[in-house]
Every structure is written in C-alpha cells, then in structure tokens.
Amino acid sequence: DAMVQVFQNLLKNAAEAAGPAGGTIRLRTHFDASLRLRRADGSSGPVPVHVEVIDDGPGLPSAIADQIFEPFVSGRENGTGLGLALVSKIVTEHEGWVAVESMPGRTVFRVSLPLAPKAEGVT
C-alpha cells in the first residue's frame, strides 16, 4: 500500500538521522476537523487526520530545507533524494499535504490527510 511506503520512508529517514549513537523517534497522531487544504485550482477540502514523525537528530541542512521534497535532493552523502519526493507525491495523490519543521535536535514531518470515503454498504 502506498501509505505504508510513506510512513516507512519517514521512519527510515528519522532512524538514519539519529546516526549510530541512536536517538528517539516519536509518532504523534491527532484529529483536527478545522484544518483545510487549499488546492492550486482554488478549491479546498478538509484534511483532519494528522500523523507526525518526530526525531531528535541534527535537523535538516539549511541549504536544502526548502527543496527537501524535490527529487534528487538529499542531505546524506549516499542519499538518492527520492524517498521524500515519493512521500510528497503519494500524499498529494491522496489529496493530502506533507510539511516539515526542522532545527537542530528536532525535526517534525507532518502528514495531513482527508478522511477516507465510506465504502458502500459500510455503516
């Protein structure tokens, strides 16, 4: 499933950020029905489901922080720069939004998603 790939990539990045010394990775979820996403076409929709992957690594290099979701942008020496680009693509395809806040000692990747439509016959 594509969403599994999203969280695998985010967790892998958080683990790699910790380095050999280790660190703490936290997952935080919450529901906020008031948040809406405005799309490029001017429409908007609710994105109430939020999942955050939080690590206590060194933070993103400031030189790439604004481009972190672009293909081939990586802060690691041997990184491909495809993992976060794929995360962004998948979340966007699910009509959601992904954002990052980073500083030394704390990086938060936040995925915001709409509720899944109800399947027919499900109450």
Protein backbone atom coordinates (compact mmCIF):
# COMPACT_ATOMS: atom_id res chain seq x y z
CA ASP A 1 0.00 0.00 0.00
CA ALA A 2 1.24 3.47 -0.87
CA MET A 3 0.55 4.94 2.57
CA VAL A 4 2.67 2.22 4.17
CA GLN A 5 5.50 3.37 1.90
CA VAL A 6 5.02 6.98 3.09
CA PHE A 7 5.50 6.09 6.74
CA GLN A 8 8.28 3.59 6.06
CA ASN A 9 10.23 6.33 4.25
CA LEU A 10 9.64 8.88 7.02
CA LEU A 11 10.61 6.42 9.77
CA LYS A 12 13.70 5.28 7.84
CA ASN A 13 14.83 8.90 7.44
CA ALA A 14 14.27 9.56 11.14
CA ALA A 15 16.29 6.47 12.09
CA GLU A 16 19.12 7.46 9.75
CA ALA A 17 19.11 10.99 11.19
CA ALA A 18 19.78 9.54 14.63
CA GLY A 19 23.01 8.00 13.38
CA PRO A 20 24.96 5.24 15.10
CA ALA A 21 24.52 6.85 18.53
CA GLY A 22 20.76 6.32 18.31
CA GLY A 23 18.02 8.70 19.25
CA THR A 24 14.31 8.96 19.83
CA ILE A 25 11.62 8.74 17.17
CA ARG A 26 8.06 9.57 18.15
CA LEU A 27 4.83 9.16 16.24
CA ARG A 28 2.04 11.54 17.12
CA THR A 29 -1.47 11.39 15.70
CA HIS A 30 -4.36 13.76 16.13
CA PHE A 31 -7.64 14.79 14.56
CA ASP A 32 -8.45 18.43 13.79
CA ALA A 33 -11.59 18.93 11.72
CA SER A 34 -10.90 22.66 11.30
CA LEU A 35 -7.82 22.32 9.05
CA ARG A 36 -8.46 22.69 5.31
CA LEU A 37 -6.16 22.38 2.32
CA ARG A 38 -6.44 24.97 -0.44
CA ARG A 39 -5.59 23.46 -3.80
CA ALA A 40 -3.95 25.18 -6.77
CA ASP A 41 -7.32 25.32 -8.56
CA GLY A 42 -8.79 27.38 -5.70
CA SER A 43 -10.88 24.58 -4.23
CA SER A 44 -10.39 23.40 -0.69
CA GLY A 45 -11.13 20.34 1.37
CA PRO A 46 -10.76 19.14 4.93
CA VAL A 47 -7.58 17.32 6.00
CA PRO A 48 -8.40 16.40 9.60
CA VAL A 49 -6.14 13.36 10.08
CA HIS A 50 -2.58 14.24 11.12
CA VAL A 51 0.39 11.95 11.66
CA GLU A 52 3.74 13.37 12.77
CA VAL A 53 7.11 11.63 12.71
CA ILE A 54 9.38 13.45 15.17
CA ASP A 55 13.08 12.78 15.67
CA ASP A 56 15.82 14.31 17.80
CA GLY A 57 18.54 14.17 15.14
CA PRO A 58 20.70 17.04 13.91
CA GLY A 59 17.99 18.63 11.75
CA LEU A 60 17.93 19.26 8.03
CA PRO A 61 20.80 21.13 6.39
CA SER A 62 19.53 24.68 5.86
CA ALA A 63 20.82 24.65 2.27
CA ILE A 64 18.24 22.03 1.24
CA ALA A 65 15.39 22.59 3.70
CA ASP A 66 13.22 24.46 1.17
CA GLN A 67 13.72 21.79 -1.51
CA ILE A 68 13.55 18.64 0.61
CA PHE A 69 10.52 17.22 -1.26
CA GLU A 70 12.10 17.72 -4.71
CA PRO A 71 13.56 14.67 -6.50
CA PHE A 72 17.32 14.11 -6.11
CA VAL A 73 17.67 16.49 -3.13
CA SER A 74 19.35 14.75 -0.20
CA GLY A 75 21.24 15.77 2.90
CA ARG A 76 23.06 12.44 3.08
CA GLU A 77 26.28 11.65 1.30
CA ASN A 78 24.91 8.49 -0.33
CA GLY A 79 21.24 9.50 -0.40
CA THR A 80 19.25 9.28 -3.63
CA GLY A 81 16.87 12.10 -2.80
CA LEU A 82 13.89 10.04 -3.92
CA GLY A 83 12.33 8.98 -0.61
CA LEU A 84 10.81 12.32 0.41
CA ALA A 85 9.87 13.15 -3.19
CA LEU A 86 7.90 9.88 -3.23
CA VAL A 87 6.33 10.74 0.14
CA SER A 88 5.16 14.09 -1.24
CA LYS A 89 3.81 12.51 -4.45
CA ILE A 90 1.84 9.81 -2.64
CA VAL A 91 0.38 12.19 -0.04
CA THR A 92 -0.63 14.64 -2.79
CA GLU A 93 -2.27 11.81 -4.76
CA HIS A 94 -4.32 11.07 -1.63
CA GLU A 95 -5.41 14.75 -1.55
CA GLY A 96 -3.29 15.43 1.49
CA TRP A 97 -0.39 17.63 2.49
CA VAL A 98 3.08 16.98 3.90
CA ALA A 99 5.22 19.57 5.68
CA VAL A 100 8.43 19.68 7.65
CA GLU A 101 9.74 21.80 10.51
CA SER A 102 13.38 21.32 11.40
CA MET A 103 16.00 22.69 13.75
CA PRO A 104 19.00 21.09 15.43
CA GLY A 105 17.68 18.46 17.82
CA ARG A 106 14.14 18.26 16.43
CA THR A 107 12.65 17.51 13.03
CA VAL A 108 8.91 17.01 12.52
CA PHE A 109 7.40 15.64 9.32
CA ARG A 110 3.63 16.21 9.40
CA VAL A 111 1.28 14.33 7.07
CA SER A 112 -2.28 15.69 6.90
CA LEU A 113 -4.93 13.63 5.13
CA PRO A 114 -8.66 13.68 4.41
CA LEU A 115 -10.91 11.00 5.82
CA ALA A 116 -11.31 8.00 3.54
CA PRO A 117 -14.68 7.89 1.80
CA LYS A 118 -17.09 5.36 3.28
CA ALA A 119 -17.35 2.16 1.30
CA GLU A 120 -20.80 1.26 0.03
CA GLY A 121 -22.72 -0.87 2.49
CA VAL A 122 -20.50 0.11 5.42
CA THR A 123 -22.13 1.92 8.31
